[in-house]
C-alpha atoms as a PDB file:
ATOM      1  CA  UNK A   1      -7.869   8.460  -6.831  1.00  0.00           C
ATOM      2  CA  UNK A   2      -7.217   8.350  -3.126  1.00  0.00           C
ATOM      3  CA  UNK A   3      -5.490  11.464  -1.788  1.00  0.00           C
ATOM      4  CA  UNK A   4      -3.507  10.067   1.111  1.00  0.00           C
ATOM      5  CA  UNK A   5      -2.189  13.544   2.087  1.00  0.00           C
ATOM      6  CA  UNK A   6      -5.805  14.514   2.895  1.00  0.00           C
ATOM      7  CA  UNK A   7      -6.010  11.588   5.360  1.00  0.00           C
ATOM      8  CA  UNK A   8      -2.776  12.515   7.157  1.00  0.00           C
ATOM      9  CA  UNK A   9       0.672  13.950   6.442  1.00  0.00           C
ATOM     10  CA  UNK A  10       2.142  11.232   8.731  1.00  0.00           C
ATOM     11  CA  UNK A  11       0.910   7.737   7.914  1.00  0.00           C
ATOM     12  CA  UNK A  12       2.121   5.858  10.961  1.00  0.00           C
ATOM     13  CA  UNK A  13      -0.127   3.211  12.476  1.00  0.00           C
ATOM     14  CA  UNK A  14      -1.418  -0.259  11.575  1.00  0.00           C
ATOM     15  CA  UNK A  15      -4.962   0.938  12.425  1.00  0.00           C
ATOM     16  CA  UNK A  16      -4.677   3.685   9.826  1.00  0.00           C
ATOM     17  CA  UNK A  17      -3.072   1.242   7.366  1.00  0.00           C
ATOM     18  CA  UNK A  18      -6.041  -1.080   7.784  1.00  0.00           C
ATOM     19  CA  UNK A  19      -8.442   1.811   7.137  1.00  0.00           C
ATOM     20  CA  UNK A  20      -6.560   2.724   3.957  1.00  0.00           C
ATOM     21  CA  UNK A  21      -6.440  -0.926   2.769  1.00  0.00           C
ATOM     22  CA  UNK A  22     -10.191  -1.217   3.281  1.00  0.00           C
ATOM     23  CA  UNK A  23     -10.741   2.047   1.354  1.00  0.00           C
ATOM     24  CA  UNK A  24      -8.611   0.746  -1.518  1.00  0.00           C
ATOM     25  CA  UNK A  25     -10.527  -2.525  -1.624  1.00  0.00           C
ATOM     26  CA  UNK A  26     -13.828  -0.660  -1.630  1.00  0.00           C
ATOM     27  CA  UNK A  27     -12.666   1.479  -4.575  1.00  0.00           C
ATOM     28  CA  UNK A  28     -11.486  -1.631  -6.428  1.00  0.00           C
ATOM     29  CA  UNK A  29     -14.996  -3.031  -6.258  1.00  0.00           C
ATOM     30  CA  UNK A  30     -16.178  -0.306  -8.664  1.00  0.00           C
ATOM     31  CA  UNK A  31     -12.972   0.426 -10.570  1.00  0.00           C
ATOM     32  CA  UNK A  32     -10.337  -1.571 -12.391  1.00  0.00           C
ATOM     33  CA  UNK A  33      -7.520   0.570 -10.970  1.00  0.00           C
ATOM     34  CA  UNK A  34      -6.836   2.818  -8.003  1.00  0.00           C
ATOM     35  CA  UNK A  35      -4.318   5.650  -7.977  1.00  0.00           C
ATOM     36  CA  UNK A  36      -2.829   6.424  -4.575  1.00  0.00           C
ATOM     37  CA  UNK A  37      -1.617  10.055  -4.501  1.00  0.00           C
ATOM     38  CA  UNK A  38       0.945  10.747  -1.737  1.00  0.00           C
ATOM     39  CA  UNK A  39       1.150  14.480  -2.368  1.00  0.00           C
ATOM     40  CA  UNK A  40       1.510  16.179   1.010  1.00  0.00           C
ATOM     41  CA  UNK A  41       2.541  12.984   2.836  1.00  0.00           C
ATOM     42  CA  UNK A  42       5.712  13.732   4.742  1.00  0.00           C
ATOM     43  CA  UNK A  43       6.212  10.311   6.337  1.00  0.00           C
ATOM     44  CA  UNK A  44       4.953   6.766   6.182  1.00  0.00           C
ATOM     45  CA  UNK A  45       6.012   4.087   8.669  1.00  0.00           C
ATOM     46  CA  UNK A  46       6.796   0.497   7.842  1.00  0.00           C
ATOM     47  CA  UNK A  47       3.897  -0.687   9.997  1.00  0.00           C
ATOM     48  CA  UNK A  48       1.451   1.514   8.036  1.00  0.00           C
ATOM     49  CA  UNK A  49       2.823   0.408   4.679  1.00  0.00           C
ATOM     50  CA  UNK A  50       2.841  -3.238   5.571  1.00  0.00           C
ATOM     51  CA  UNK A  51      -0.746  -3.086   6.851  1.00  0.00           C
ATOM     52  CA  UNK A  52      -2.046  -1.033   3.929  1.00  0.00           C
ATOM     53  CA  UNK A  53      -0.028  -2.245   0.977  1.00  0.00           C
ATOM     54  CA  UNK A  54       1.775  -5.404   2.085  1.00  0.00           C
ATOM     55  CA  UNK A  55      -1.417  -7.122   3.148  1.00  0.00           C
ATOM     56  CA  UNK A  56      -3.197  -5.806   0.062  1.00  0.00           C
ATOM     57  CA  UNK A  57      -0.433  -7.348  -2.086  1.00  0.00           C
ATOM     58  CA  UNK A  58      -0.898 -10.635  -0.257  1.00  0.00           C
ATOM     59  CA  UNK A  59      -4.663 -10.496  -0.687  1.00  0.00           C
ATOM     60  CA  UNK A  60      -4.705  -9.550  -4.393  1.00  0.00           C
ATOM     61  CA  UNK A  61      -1.594 -11.409  -5.484  1.00  0.00           C
ATOM     62  CA  UNK A  62       1.369  -9.831  -7.242  1.00  0.00           C
ATOM     63  CA  UNK A  63      -0.041  -9.641 -10.775  1.00  0.00           C
ATOM     64  CA  UNK A  64      -3.390  -8.065  -9.784  1.00  0.00           C
ATOM     65  CA  UNK A  65      -1.725  -5.705  -7.327  1.00  0.00           C
ATOM     66  CA  UNK A  66       0.750  -4.485  -9.949  1.00  0.00           C
ATOM     67  CA  UNK A  67      -2.000  -4.046 -12.520  1.00  0.00           C
ATOM     68  CA  UNK A  68      -4.638  -2.429 -10.264  1.00  0.00           C
ATOM     69  CA  UNK A  69      -2.774  -0.306  -7.682  1.00  0.00           C
ATOM     70  CA  UNK A  70      -0.728   2.694  -8.787  1.00  0.00           C
ATOM     71  CA  UNK A  71       1.328   5.090  -6.697  1.00  0.00           C
ATOM     72  CA  UNK A  72       2.121   8.755  -7.388  1.00  0.00           C
ATOM     73  CA  UNK A  73       3.538  11.777  -5.597  1.00  0.00           C
ATOM     74  CA  UNK A  74       5.756   9.757  -3.245  1.00  0.00           C
ATOM     75  CA  UNK A  75       8.869  11.305  -1.758  1.00  0.00           C
ATOM     76  CA  UNK A  76      12.012   9.193  -2.125  1.00  0.00           C
ATOM     77  CA  UNK A  77      11.766   8.275   1.574  1.00  0.00           C
ATOM     78  CA  UNK A  78       8.113   7.227   1.396  1.00  0.00           C
ATOM     79  CA  UNK A  79       8.775   5.243  -1.795  1.00  0.00           C
ATOM     80  CA  UNK A  80      11.630   3.442  -0.063  1.00  0.00           C
ATOM     81  CA  UNK A  81       9.440   2.387   2.882  1.00  0.00           C
ATOM     82  CA  UNK A  82       6.655   1.187   0.557  1.00  0.00           C
ATOM     83  CA  UNK A  83       9.085  -0.897  -1.486  1.00  0.00           C
ATOM     84  CA  UNK A  84      10.613  -2.387   1.671  1.00  0.00           C
ATOM     85  CA  UNK A  85       7.187  -3.420   2.978  1.00  0.00           C
ATOM     86  CA  UNK A  86       6.190  -4.933  -0.371  1.00  0.00           C
ATOM     87  CA  UNK A  87       9.500  -6.837  -0.718  1.00  0.00           C
ATOM     88  CA  UNK A  88       9.042  -8.305   2.736  1.00  0.00           C
ATOM     89  CA  UNK A  89       5.553  -9.570   1.850  1.00  0.00           C
ATOM     90  CA  UNK A  90       6.821 -11.015  -1.444  1.00  0.00           C
ATOM     91  CA  UNK A  91       9.588 -12.894   0.354  1.00  0.00           C
ATOM     92  CA  UNK A  92       7.092 -14.251   2.898  1.00  0.00           C
ATOM     93  CA  UNK A  93       4.807 -15.376   0.069  1.00  0.00           C
ATOM     94  CA  UNK A  94       7.617 -17.168  -1.788  1.00  0.00           C
ATOM     95  CA  UNK A  95       8.752 -18.927   1.388  1.00  0.00           C
ATOM     96  CA  UNK A  96       5.197 -19.914   2.172  1.00  0.00           C
ATOM     97  CA  UNK A  97       4.562 -21.220  -1.361  1.00  0.00           C
ATOM     98  CA  UNK A  98       7.759 -23.294  -1.465  1.00  0.00           C
ATOM     99  CA  UNK A  99       7.327 -24.960   1.985  1.00  0.00           C
END
């Protein structure tokens, strides 16, 4: 489990998103699944979510991402930003694949 609230209550930069993505990938080397706990996170920006989760989705692919990365403790606002970032990456991937 990765406690994102212990990293910051405001997840707002691409640099932090990259750090979190790298942490997730490192955990996935030794585990089949990673739980991301957002307890205590008050805000997450689109740039953070895209860098951390959108690029991770792109790297792992949809099926592996869905199977191996789990989210918990998200406020409705944070969940909305995460879903938006993931949807954008999925659309990019579909456009890329069909071209």
